[in-house]
Structures are given as C-alpha cells and as structure tokens.
Amino acid sequence: MSDRILMAPSLLSADFTRLAEAVSLVEGAGADFLHVDVMDGHFVPNLTIGPPIIRALKRVATRPLDVHLMIDDADATVDWYLDAGADWVTVHVEACDHLHRVVQRIHAAGAKAGVALNPATPASILEEILPELDLVLVMSVNPGFGGQAYIPSAAPKVAAIAAMIAACGSRALIEVDGGIDETTAPLVTAAGARVLVAGNAVFGRPDPGAALNAIRDAGQAAVPRG
C-alpha cells in the first residue's frame, strides 16, 4: 500500500452555479480525484445529482471522477453512472442485493469498483468481497448531508479493514468520507486510510486550494513510517 495521501474534494459542497470553476480550482491545487455524491432521497434523506451532471463533469475534469452512489437498488442503475463517465464507482453494501454482480459489472465497464460502509456496518461484512475491490469507503458520518461531525469509531474500523486488506493481499485503497479536516485527517491516515474526502473543509474555506493541501499535509504527517 502506498503511503501517499490522496485527496478527493467533494463537489457536493461546491457552488453548483460555478461547478467547472470549482473543478479547475481543486485540480490546480493537486486534487487526485473529484468526489461526486449521488443521493436519491430514499437510501439517504437528501437528493443531489444524477448522470447528466456526471456527464458534464466528465467534459471538464482532468482527474478521475470518484462517484459515490448513496442510492437504493444500485444493481438496477449502476450502468447509468458508468455510461455517464464515472471512473470509480462506489456502492453501499447496505443497498445492493447482489454486490458481487455489481462489482463485476463495474469492472467489466473498465471502471474501478468500491464498496462503502455506513457507520453502523461492521468491517467484517467485507470478508467475501474484499479481494475483488479497488476501494473501500468508510463513512465517518451517517450519509446524506455535508458538514456533519466526524464519528470517532471510524478510525478503529479503518484499522480493521487495513488488517483485512493486508491479510488477503488486496491492493484496495481505504477512503474516508465525513467530517474530514486538518484535525480528523490524522486519525484515519494513522489507521490506514489513504484517500480523504473533504467537502465543507475545502469549499467552505476562503482558499479551497490551500485548505485541500493543509488537510493532505496533516494526514500525511500521521502516516506511520517504516
């Protein structure tokens, strides 16, 4: 596992009337991914964007689109997001009846496959699917809204998943989403997270690019050496 911390700013917190500018700004600051939160108003109590916005983002983005599907029945609609240009697609274990099949379809489309866990979902649920994954997303808030406070149980869960990844020889990255800022980033990177999603802590600051790099630097400093 690489020790480099990767940043995935969440466009949910950007100004949607200036989305292309937001993309250019964070890419210029060194963002590694663009995190796109898709919410359906059913699996989570919020409604955000869908394939047309992803398709538009694909036209302006130079970094991979990291699409997080917080939706019911991803089995039925995952192809919409793949066709729209998602480079990484993460589905919730809690919302997929046929998780392995969905992961196979994501890979068959040439994209990277991730699985997300809500705060109350144990790491052990990943045991069978982990060797097939490129990414595990640990939710450090209950999904649905930006700006929530970090849930401390996320770091122990990251550590447990990191141990599972090492044991099975997986190359999956661990991503954490929810309440990530300069204070909380070190907690999860010390435990094994290598991709940090930050929304309000980036786009809610006067200088989003500087904020992005401050979070990365804080997380990088906590990565164990050796």
Protein backbone atom coordinates (compact mmCIF):
# COMPACT_ATOMS: atom_id res chain seq x y z
CA MET A 1 0.00 0.00 0.00
CA SER A 2 1.32 3.41 -0.97
CA ASP A 3 1.92 5.87 1.85
CA ARG A 4 0.90 8.87 -0.24
CA ILE A 5 -2.29 10.60 0.87
CA LEU A 6 -4.71 11.24 -1.97
CA MET A 7 -7.33 13.98 -1.86
CA ALA A 8 -10.86 13.68 -3.22
CA PRO A 9 -12.65 17.01 -2.68
CA SER A 10 -16.42 16.57 -2.58
CA LEU A 11 -18.15 18.66 -5.22
CA LEU A 12 -21.37 18.48 -3.19
CA SER A 13 -20.01 21.43 -1.20
CA ALA A 14 -19.02 23.47 -4.26
CA ASP A 15 -21.08 26.27 -5.80
CA PHE A 16 -23.19 24.44 -8.37
CA THR A 17 -23.55 27.60 -10.45
CA ARG A 18 -19.75 27.59 -10.91
CA LEU A 19 -19.00 23.88 -10.94
CA ALA A 20 -16.47 23.96 -13.76
CA GLU A 21 -14.54 26.68 -11.93
CA ALA A 22 -14.57 24.61 -8.73
CA VAL A 23 -13.19 21.62 -10.63
CA SER A 24 -10.41 23.71 -12.16
CA LEU A 25 -9.53 25.24 -8.80
CA VAL A 26 -9.11 21.98 -6.87
CA GLU A 27 -7.41 20.24 -9.78
CA GLY A 28 -4.94 23.12 -9.89
CA ALA A 29 -4.33 22.64 -6.17
CA GLY A 30 -3.43 19.00 -6.69
CA ALA A 31 -6.67 17.06 -6.15
CA ASP A 32 -6.23 13.40 -7.06
CA PHE A 33 -9.92 12.60 -7.55
CA LEU A 34 -13.17 14.53 -7.83
CA HIS A 35 -15.68 13.05 -5.39
CA VAL A 36 -19.25 13.07 -6.69
CA ASP A 37 -22.04 12.31 -4.21
CA VAL A 38 -25.16 10.82 -5.80
CA MET A 39 -28.14 10.71 -3.41
CA ASP A 40 -31.63 9.52 -4.28
CA GLY A 41 -33.82 10.74 -1.41
CA HIS A 42 -34.55 7.12 -0.45
CA PHE A 43 -31.38 5.42 0.74
CA VAL A 44 -30.40 8.75 2.28
CA PRO A 45 -32.65 11.70 3.18
CA ASN A 46 -31.32 14.02 0.51
CA LEU A 47 -31.48 14.40 -3.25
CA THR A 48 -28.47 15.58 -5.23
CA ILE A 49 -27.34 14.92 -8.79
CA GLY A 50 -27.51 12.23 -11.42
CA PRO A 51 -25.93 11.10 -14.69
CA PRO A 52 -26.37 14.38 -16.63
CA ILE A 53 -24.12 16.26 -14.17
CA ILE A 54 -21.58 13.44 -14.18
CA ARG A 55 -21.54 13.56 -17.97
CA ALA A 56 -20.96 17.33 -17.85
CA LEU A 57 -18.20 16.97 -15.27
CA LYS A 58 -16.50 14.39 -17.46
CA ARG A 59 -16.15 17.02 -20.19
CA VAL A 60 -14.19 19.40 -17.97
CA ALA A 61 -12.40 17.14 -15.47
CA THR A 62 -8.81 16.01 -15.84
CA ARG A 63 -8.88 13.91 -12.65
CA PRO A 64 -10.85 10.68 -12.20
CA LEU A 65 -14.49 11.02 -11.18
CA ASP A 66 -14.94 9.18 -7.89
CA VAL A 67 -18.70 8.56 -7.89
CA HIS A 68 -20.30 7.53 -4.59
CA LEU A 69 -23.76 6.04 -5.10
CA MET A 70 -25.88 6.61 -1.99
CA ILE A 71 -28.91 5.09 -3.67
CA ASP A 72 -31.34 2.22 -3.35
CA ASP A 73 -31.09 -0.61 -5.84
CA ALA A 74 -27.72 0.24 -7.35
CA ASP A 75 -28.00 -3.17 -9.04
CA ALA A 76 -30.58 -1.70 -11.40
CA THR A 77 -28.99 1.67 -12.21
CA VAL A 78 -25.20 1.38 -11.88
CA ASP A 79 -24.89 1.32 -15.68
CA TRP A 80 -26.29 4.86 -15.85
CA TYR A 81 -23.27 6.21 -13.99
CA LEU A 82 -20.78 4.07 -15.85
CA ASP A 83 -22.20 5.26 -19.17
CA ALA A 84 -22.01 8.87 -17.95
CA GLY A 85 -18.24 8.55 -17.45
CA ALA A 86 -17.63 7.58 -13.83
CA ASP A 87 -14.06 6.34 -13.40
CA TRP A 88 -14.50 4.91 -9.91
CA VAL A 89 -17.93 3.75 -8.72
CA THR A 90 -18.63 3.02 -5.07
CA VAL A 91 -21.84 1.32 -3.99
CA HIS A 92 -23.17 0.72 -0.50
CA VAL A 93 -23.09 -2.80 0.85
CA GLU A 94 -26.35 -1.97 2.63
CA ALA A 95 -28.12 -1.17 -0.65
CA CYS A 96 -27.01 -3.97 -3.01
CA ASP A 97 -28.80 -7.30 -3.13
CA HIS A 98 -26.18 -8.75 -5.47
CA LEU A 99 -22.98 -6.99 -4.52
CA HIS A 100 -20.54 -9.27 -6.32
CA ARG A 101 -22.50 -8.96 -9.55
CA VAL A 102 -22.46 -5.15 -9.33
CA VAL A 103 -18.70 -5.13 -8.70
CA GLN A 104 -18.22 -7.37 -11.74
CA ARG A 105 -20.30 -5.00 -13.90
CA ILE A 106 -18.26 -2.01 -12.78
CA HIS A 107 -15.04 -3.79 -13.70
CA ALA A 108 -16.48 -5.00 -17.00
CA ALA A 109 -17.14 -1.38 -17.93
CA GLY A 110 -13.48 -0.54 -17.34
CA ALA A 111 -14.03 1.36 -14.10
CA LYS A 112 -12.69 0.82 -10.59
CA ALA A 113 -15.05 -0.68 -8.02
CA GLY A 114 -15.57 0.39 -4.44
CA VAL A 115 -17.84 -0.58 -1.57
CA ALA A 116 -18.99 1.84 1.13
CA LEU A 117 -19.88 1.06 4.74
CA ASN A 118 -22.18 3.16 6.90
CA PRO A 119 -21.01 3.90 10.45
CA ALA A 120 -23.08 1.09 12.00
CA THR A 121 -21.98 -1.52 9.44
CA PRO A 122 -19.14 -3.77 10.66
CA ALA A 123 -15.92 -4.22 8.70
CA SER A 124 -16.43 -7.99 8.76
CA ILE A 125 -19.13 -7.73 6.11
CA LEU A 126 -16.36 -7.13 3.54
CA GLU A 127 -14.66 -10.50 4.03
CA GLU A 128 -16.01 -12.21 0.89
CA ILE A 129 -15.89 -9.22 -1.47
CA LEU A 130 -12.64 -7.55 -0.39
CA PRO A 131 -10.32 -9.38 -2.83
CA GLU A 132 -12.42 -8.00 -5.71
CA LEU A 133 -12.31 -4.35 -4.67
CA ASP A 134 -10.21 -1.36 -5.66
CA LEU A 135 -11.58 0.85 -2.89
CA VAL A 136 -13.30 0.63 0.49
CA LEU A 137 -15.11 3.77 1.58
CA VAL A 138 -15.58 4.14 5.33
CA MET A 139 -18.31 6.62 6.16
CA SER A 140 -17.32 8.67 9.18
CA VAL A 141 -20.73 10.34 9.30
CA ASN A 142 -24.19 8.99 8.54
CA PRO A 143 -24.57 9.68 4.82
CA GLY A 144 -26.95 12.22 3.40
CA PHE A 145 -25.65 15.70 4.21
CA GLY A 146 -22.39 17.60 4.17
CA GLY A 147 -21.00 19.41 7.17
CA GLN A 148 -21.61 16.70 9.78
CA ALA A 149 -19.27 15.95 12.70
CA TYR A 150 -16.78 13.10 12.43
CA ILE A 151 -17.76 9.86 14.23
CA PRO A 152 -14.73 8.59 16.24
CA SER A 153 -15.43 4.90 15.61
CA ALA A 154 -14.27 5.40 12.01
CA ALA A 155 -10.55 5.11 12.84
CA PRO A 156 -10.78 1.67 14.51
CA LYS A 157 -12.86 0.46 11.57
CA VAL A 158 -10.22 1.74 9.13
CA ALA A 159 -7.55 -0.15 11.11
CA ALA A 160 -9.61 -3.35 10.99
CA ILE A 161 -10.10 -3.05 7.24
CA ALA A 162 -6.41 -2.30 6.70
CA ALA A 163 -5.57 -5.53 8.52
CA MET A 164 -8.07 -7.45 6.37
CA ILE A 165 -6.57 -5.98 3.20
CA ALA A 166 -3.07 -7.00 4.26
CA ALA A 167 -4.22 -10.49 5.17
CA CYS A 168 -5.87 -11.21 1.82
CA GLY A 169 -3.25 -9.47 -0.32
CA SER A 170 -5.71 -6.93 -1.71
CA ARG A 171 -4.49 -3.66 -3.23
CA ALA A 172 -7.68 -1.81 -2.28
CA LEU A 173 -7.38 1.77 -1.08
CA ILE A 174 -9.22 2.89 2.04
CA GLU A 175 -11.13 6.13 1.62
CA VAL A 176 -12.83 8.06 4.44
CA ASP A 177 -15.71 10.47 3.99
CA GLY A 178 -17.34 12.66 6.63
CA GLY A 179 -16.10 15.43 8.88
CA ILE A 180 -12.57 15.25 7.48
CA ASP A 181 -10.41 18.29 8.16
CA GLU A 182 -6.91 19.06 9.48
CA THR A 183 -7.87 17.69 12.91
CA THR A 184 -9.55 14.44 11.91
CA ALA A 185 -7.44 13.53 8.86
CA PRO A 186 -4.50 12.30 11.00
CA LEU A 187 -6.81 9.99 12.97
CA VAL A 188 -7.78 7.99 9.89
CA THR A 189 -4.49 8.13 7.99
CA ALA A 190 -2.64 6.78 11.04
CA ALA A 191 -5.08 3.86 10.94
CA GLY A 192 -4.52 3.12 7.25
CA ALA A 193 -6.71 5.44 5.16
CA ARG A 194 -5.03 6.80 2.04
CA VAL A 195 -7.87 8.70 0.32
CA LEU A 196 -9.55 11.61 2.09
CA VAL A 197 -12.86 13.10 1.04
CA ALA A 198 -13.44 16.67 2.21
CA GLY A 199 -16.29 18.97 1.25
CA ASN A 200 -17.05 21.90 3.53
CA ALA A 201 -13.49 21.82 4.89
CA VAL A 202 -12.32 22.62 1.35
CA PHE A 203 -15.03 24.61 -0.40
CA GLY A 204 -16.20 26.34 2.77
CA ARG A 205 -12.81 27.99 3.26
CA PRO A 206 -11.67 31.29 1.72
CA ASP A 207 -8.88 29.50 -0.18
CA PRO A 208 -10.11 26.00 -1.11
CA GLY A 209 -6.80 25.02 -2.68
CA ALA A 210 -4.83 25.89 0.44
CA ALA A 211 -7.39 24.09 2.59
CA LEU A 212 -7.11 20.96 0.47
CA ASN A 213 -3.35 20.87 0.86
CA ALA A 214 -3.50 21.62 4.59
CA ILE A 215 -5.71 18.57 5.07
CA ARG A 216 -3.42 16.44 2.93
CA ASP A 217 -0.34 17.60 4.84
CA ALA A 218 -1.98 16.90 8.21
CA GLY A 219 -2.97 13.42 7.08
CA GLN A 220 0.41 12.72 5.50
CA ALA A 221 2.25 13.66 8.70
CA ALA A 222 0.38 10.95 10.61
CA VAL A 223 1.18 8.08 8.22
CA PRO A 224 3.34 5.56 10.10
CA ARG A 225 6.91 5.33 8.82
CA GLY A 226 8.80 2.18 8.07
